[in-house]
Amino acid sequence: MTVAVCAGLFGGCGKSSDAHAPDPITQPEAQAGVFQRTCERVNSLIASKDFVQAQKTLDVLKGYKLTAEQQQLVNKIQAQIPKAN
């Protein structure tokens, strides 16, 4: 179920990538929404101790230009994910 939810969140539930969804990289208001949902998803995965998926989900934000405040939040969340051995 985790994969299906994540795929739906980031994959547009099977819709074509040609859909008129806002580009979170070029539209700050869209990025803010995606950022918020991604952080909520990562926190949920951490709570369920699915650290591998939490890291993969958090890695989605690497392609975004984050504000200083957003980067601080990412760093805080990252600190909750144990390092892989």
N, C-alpha and C. Protein backbone atom coordinates (compact mmCIF):
# COMPACT_ATOMS: atom_id res chain seq x y z
N MET A 1 0.82 -1.18 0.00
CA MET A 1 0.00 0.00 0.00
C MET A 1 0.87 1.25 0.00
N THR A 2 2.00 1.21 0.70
CA THR A 2 2.88 2.37 0.75
C THR A 2 3.33 2.79 -0.64
N VAL A 3 3.70 1.84 -1.46
CA VAL A 3 4.16 2.14 -2.81
C VAL A 3 3.02 2.75 -3.62
N ALA A 4 1.81 2.20 -3.47
CA ALA A 4 0.66 2.71 -4.23
C ALA A 4 0.34 4.14 -3.84
N VAL A 5 0.38 4.43 -2.55
CA VAL A 5 0.10 5.79 -2.09
C VAL A 5 1.17 6.74 -2.60
N CYS A 6 2.42 6.35 -2.50
CA CYS A 6 3.52 7.19 -2.97
C CYS A 6 3.44 7.39 -4.47
N ALA A 7 3.14 6.33 -5.20
CA ALA A 7 3.02 6.45 -6.65
C ALA A 7 1.89 7.38 -7.02
N GLY A 8 0.80 7.31 -6.28
CA GLY A 8 -0.32 8.21 -6.53
C GLY A 8 0.03 9.64 -6.23
N LEU A 9 0.78 9.85 -5.18
CA LEU A 9 1.16 11.21 -4.79
C LEU A 9 2.07 11.85 -5.83
N PHE A 10 3.05 11.10 -6.31
CA PHE A 10 4.02 11.69 -7.22
C PHE A 10 3.78 11.34 -8.68
N GLY A 11 2.99 10.31 -8.94
CA GLY A 11 2.80 9.86 -10.30
C GLY A 11 1.51 10.34 -10.94
N GLY A 12 0.70 11.10 -10.21
CA GLY A 12 -0.52 11.61 -10.79
C GLY A 12 -1.57 10.54 -11.00
N CYS A 13 -1.52 9.46 -10.21
CA CYS A 13 -2.52 8.40 -10.26
C CYS A 13 -2.70 7.84 -11.68
N GLY A 14 -1.64 7.68 -12.41
CA GLY A 14 -1.70 7.07 -13.71
C GLY A 14 -2.02 8.02 -14.85
N LYS A 15 -2.20 9.28 -14.57
CA LYS A 15 -2.48 10.24 -15.63
C LYS A 15 -1.23 10.52 -16.43
N SER A 16 -1.41 10.92 -17.64
CA SER A 16 -0.30 11.26 -18.51
C SER A 16 0.48 12.44 -17.96
N SER A 17 1.77 12.45 -18.21
CA SER A 17 2.58 13.58 -17.76
C SER A 17 2.28 14.84 -18.56
N ASP A 18 1.47 14.71 -19.63
CA ASP A 18 1.07 15.86 -20.42
C ASP A 18 -0.09 16.62 -19.79
N ALA A 19 -0.62 16.11 -18.67
CA ALA A 19 -1.72 16.79 -17.99
C ALA A 19 -1.27 18.19 -17.59
N HIS A 20 -2.21 19.04 -17.34
CA HIS A 20 -1.89 20.43 -17.06
C HIS A 20 -1.60 20.67 -15.57
N ALA A 21 -0.86 19.78 -14.97
CA ALA A 21 -0.45 19.95 -13.58
C ALA A 21 0.62 21.02 -13.52
N PRO A 22 0.61 21.84 -12.46
CA PRO A 22 1.64 22.87 -12.34
C PRO A 22 3.02 22.25 -12.12
N ASP A 23 4.02 22.90 -12.65
CA ASP A 23 5.40 22.45 -12.49
C ASP A 23 5.93 23.00 -11.17
N PRO A 24 6.20 22.13 -10.18
CA PRO A 24 6.63 22.62 -8.88
C PRO A 24 8.01 23.30 -8.90
N ILE A 25 8.78 23.06 -9.94
CA ILE A 25 10.10 23.68 -10.00
C ILE A 25 10.01 25.12 -10.47
N THR A 26 9.08 25.41 -11.36
CA THR A 26 8.98 26.77 -11.91
C THR A 26 7.85 27.59 -11.31
N GLN A 27 6.96 26.95 -10.55
CA GLN A 27 5.84 27.68 -9.95
C GLN A 27 5.90 27.54 -8.44
N PRO A 28 6.34 28.59 -7.76
CA PRO A 28 6.56 28.51 -6.31
C PRO A 28 5.34 28.07 -5.51
N GLU A 29 4.14 28.51 -5.90
CA GLU A 29 2.95 28.11 -5.14
C GLU A 29 2.69 26.61 -5.27
N ALA A 30 2.98 26.06 -6.43
CA ALA A 30 2.84 24.61 -6.61
C ALA A 30 3.91 23.89 -5.80
N GLN A 31 5.12 24.43 -5.81
CA GLN A 31 6.20 23.82 -5.04
C GLN A 31 5.86 23.79 -3.56
N ALA A 32 5.27 24.84 -3.06
CA ALA A 32 4.93 24.90 -1.63
C ALA A 32 3.97 23.77 -1.27
N GLY A 33 2.99 23.52 -2.13
CA GLY A 33 2.04 22.44 -1.88
C GLY A 33 2.70 21.08 -1.93
N VAL A 34 3.51 20.85 -2.94
CA VAL A 34 4.22 19.57 -3.07
C VAL A 34 5.18 19.39 -1.89
N PHE A 35 5.86 20.47 -1.52
CA PHE A 35 6.79 20.40 -0.39
C PHE A 35 6.05 19.99 0.88
N GLN A 36 4.92 20.61 1.14
CA GLN A 36 4.15 20.31 2.35
C GLN A 36 3.68 18.85 2.35
N ARG A 37 3.13 18.40 1.24
CA ARG A 37 2.65 17.01 1.16
C ARG A 37 3.80 16.02 1.28
N THR A 38 4.93 16.35 0.68
CA THR A 38 6.09 15.46 0.76
C THR A 38 6.58 15.34 2.19
N CYS A 39 6.67 16.47 2.89
CA CYS A 39 7.12 16.44 4.30
C CYS A 39 6.15 15.65 5.16
N GLU A 40 4.85 15.82 4.93
CA GLU A 40 3.86 15.06 5.69
C GLU A 40 4.01 13.57 5.43
N ARG A 41 4.25 13.22 4.17
CA ARG A 41 4.43 11.81 3.79
C ARG A 41 5.68 11.23 4.45
N VAL A 42 6.76 11.97 4.43
CA VAL A 42 8.01 11.50 5.05
C VAL A 42 7.81 11.30 6.55
N ASN A 43 7.15 12.25 7.19
CA ASN A 43 6.90 12.11 8.63
C ASN A 43 6.06 10.88 8.94
N SER A 44 5.08 10.58 8.08
CA SER A 44 4.26 9.39 8.25
C SER A 44 5.10 8.13 8.10
N LEU A 45 5.97 8.13 7.10
CA LEU A 45 6.84 6.97 6.89
C LEU A 45 7.82 6.77 8.05
N ILE A 46 8.33 7.86 8.58
CA ILE A 46 9.23 7.76 9.74
C ILE A 46 8.48 7.20 10.93
N ALA A 47 7.25 7.66 11.14
CA ALA A 47 6.44 7.17 12.25
C ALA A 47 6.19 5.67 12.14
N SER A 48 6.06 5.18 10.90
CA SER A 48 5.85 3.75 10.70
C SER A 48 7.17 2.98 10.56
N LYS A 49 8.26 3.68 10.76
CA LYS A 49 9.62 3.11 10.73
C LYS A 49 10.01 2.55 9.35
N ASP A 50 9.42 3.11 8.30
CA ASP A 50 9.79 2.74 6.94
C ASP A 50 10.84 3.75 6.46
N PHE A 51 12.04 3.61 7.01
CA PHE A 51 13.09 4.60 6.79
C PHE A 51 13.62 4.62 5.35
N VAL A 52 13.63 3.47 4.70
CA VAL A 52 14.12 3.42 3.31
C VAL A 52 13.19 4.25 2.42
N GLN A 53 11.89 4.02 2.53
CA GLN A 53 10.93 4.77 1.71
C GLN A 53 10.90 6.23 2.13
N ALA A 54 11.08 6.50 3.42
CA ALA A 54 11.12 7.89 3.88
C ALA A 54 12.27 8.64 3.23
N GLN A 55 13.43 8.00 3.14
CA GLN A 55 14.59 8.64 2.51
C GLN A 55 14.34 8.86 1.02
N LYS A 56 13.78 7.85 0.35
CA LYS A 56 13.49 7.98 -1.07
C LYS A 56 12.51 9.13 -1.32
N THR A 57 11.52 9.25 -0.47
CA THR A 57 10.52 10.30 -0.62
C THR A 57 11.15 11.66 -0.35
N LEU A 58 11.98 11.75 0.66
CA LEU A 58 12.65 13.01 0.98
C LEU A 58 13.60 13.42 -0.14
N ASP A 59 14.21 12.46 -0.80
CA ASP A 59 15.14 12.74 -1.89
C ASP A 59 14.45 13.45 -3.06
N VAL A 60 13.15 13.33 -3.17
CA VAL A 60 12.40 14.02 -4.23
C VAL A 60 12.65 15.53 -4.15
N LEU A 61 12.85 16.04 -2.95
CA LEU A 61 13.02 17.48 -2.76
C LEU A 61 14.38 17.99 -3.21
N LYS A 62 15.32 17.10 -3.50
CA LYS A 62 16.66 17.54 -3.89
C LYS A 62 16.66 18.34 -5.19
N GLY A 63 15.68 18.10 -6.04
CA GLY A 63 15.62 18.80 -7.32
C GLY A 63 14.94 20.17 -7.22
N TYR A 64 14.51 20.54 -6.04
CA TYR A 64 13.77 21.79 -5.85
C TYR A 64 14.69 22.87 -5.30
N LYS A 65 14.38 24.08 -5.64
CA LYS A 65 15.08 25.22 -5.05
C LYS A 65 14.30 25.59 -3.78
N LEU A 66 14.87 25.23 -2.64
CA LEU A 66 14.19 25.42 -1.36
C LEU A 66 14.56 26.75 -0.73
N THR A 67 13.61 27.30 0.02
CA THR A 67 13.90 28.48 0.80
C THR A 67 14.75 28.04 2.00
N ALA A 68 15.34 28.99 2.68
CA ALA A 68 16.15 28.67 3.86
C ALA A 68 15.30 27.95 4.91
N GLU A 69 14.06 28.39 5.08
CA GLU A 69 13.16 27.78 6.05
C GLU A 69 12.82 26.34 5.66
N GLN A 70 12.54 26.13 4.37
CA GLN A 70 12.26 24.78 3.89
C GLN A 70 13.47 23.87 4.07
N GLN A 71 14.65 24.38 3.78
CA GLN A 71 15.86 23.57 3.92
C GLN A 71 16.08 23.19 5.37
N GLN A 72 15.80 24.11 6.29
CA GLN A 72 15.93 23.79 7.72
C GLN A 72 14.98 22.66 8.11
N LEU A 73 13.75 22.70 7.57
CA LEU A 73 12.79 21.65 7.87
C LEU A 73 13.26 20.32 7.29
N VAL A 74 13.78 20.32 6.08
CA VAL A 74 14.30 19.11 5.47
C VAL A 74 15.45 18.55 6.32
N ASN A 75 16.33 19.41 6.77
CA ASN A 75 17.46 18.97 7.61
C ASN A 75 16.95 18.35 8.91
N LYS A 76 15.92 18.95 9.49
CA LYS A 76 15.34 18.44 10.74
C LYS A 76 14.71 17.06 10.51
N ILE A 77 13.99 16.92 9.42
CA ILE A 77 13.38 15.63 9.09
C ILE A 77 14.47 14.60 8.79
N GLN A 78 15.49 15.00 8.01
CA GLN A 78 16.58 14.10 7.64
C GLN A 78 17.26 13.54 8.89
N ALA A 79 17.39 14.35 9.91
CA ALA A 79 18.05 13.91 11.14
C ALA A 79 17.28 12.78 11.85
N GLN A 80 16.01 12.62 11.53
CA GLN A 80 15.18 11.57 12.15
C GLN A 80 15.33 10.23 11.43
N ILE A 81 15.97 10.23 10.26
CA ILE A 81 16.13 9.00 9.49
C ILE A 81 17.51 8.41 9.81
N PRO A 82 17.54 7.20 10.36
CA PRO A 82 18.83 6.59 10.69
C PRO A 82 19.68 6.41 9.43
N LYS A 83 20.96 6.58 9.57
CA LYS A 83 21.90 6.38 8.48
C LYS A 83 21.98 4.90 8.13
N ALA A 84 22.06 4.60 6.84
CA ALA A 84 22.20 3.20 6.40
C ALA A 84 23.61 2.71 6.75
N ASN A 85 23.70 1.45 7.09
CA ASN A 85 25.01 0.89 7.46
C ASN A 85 25.82 0.57 6.27
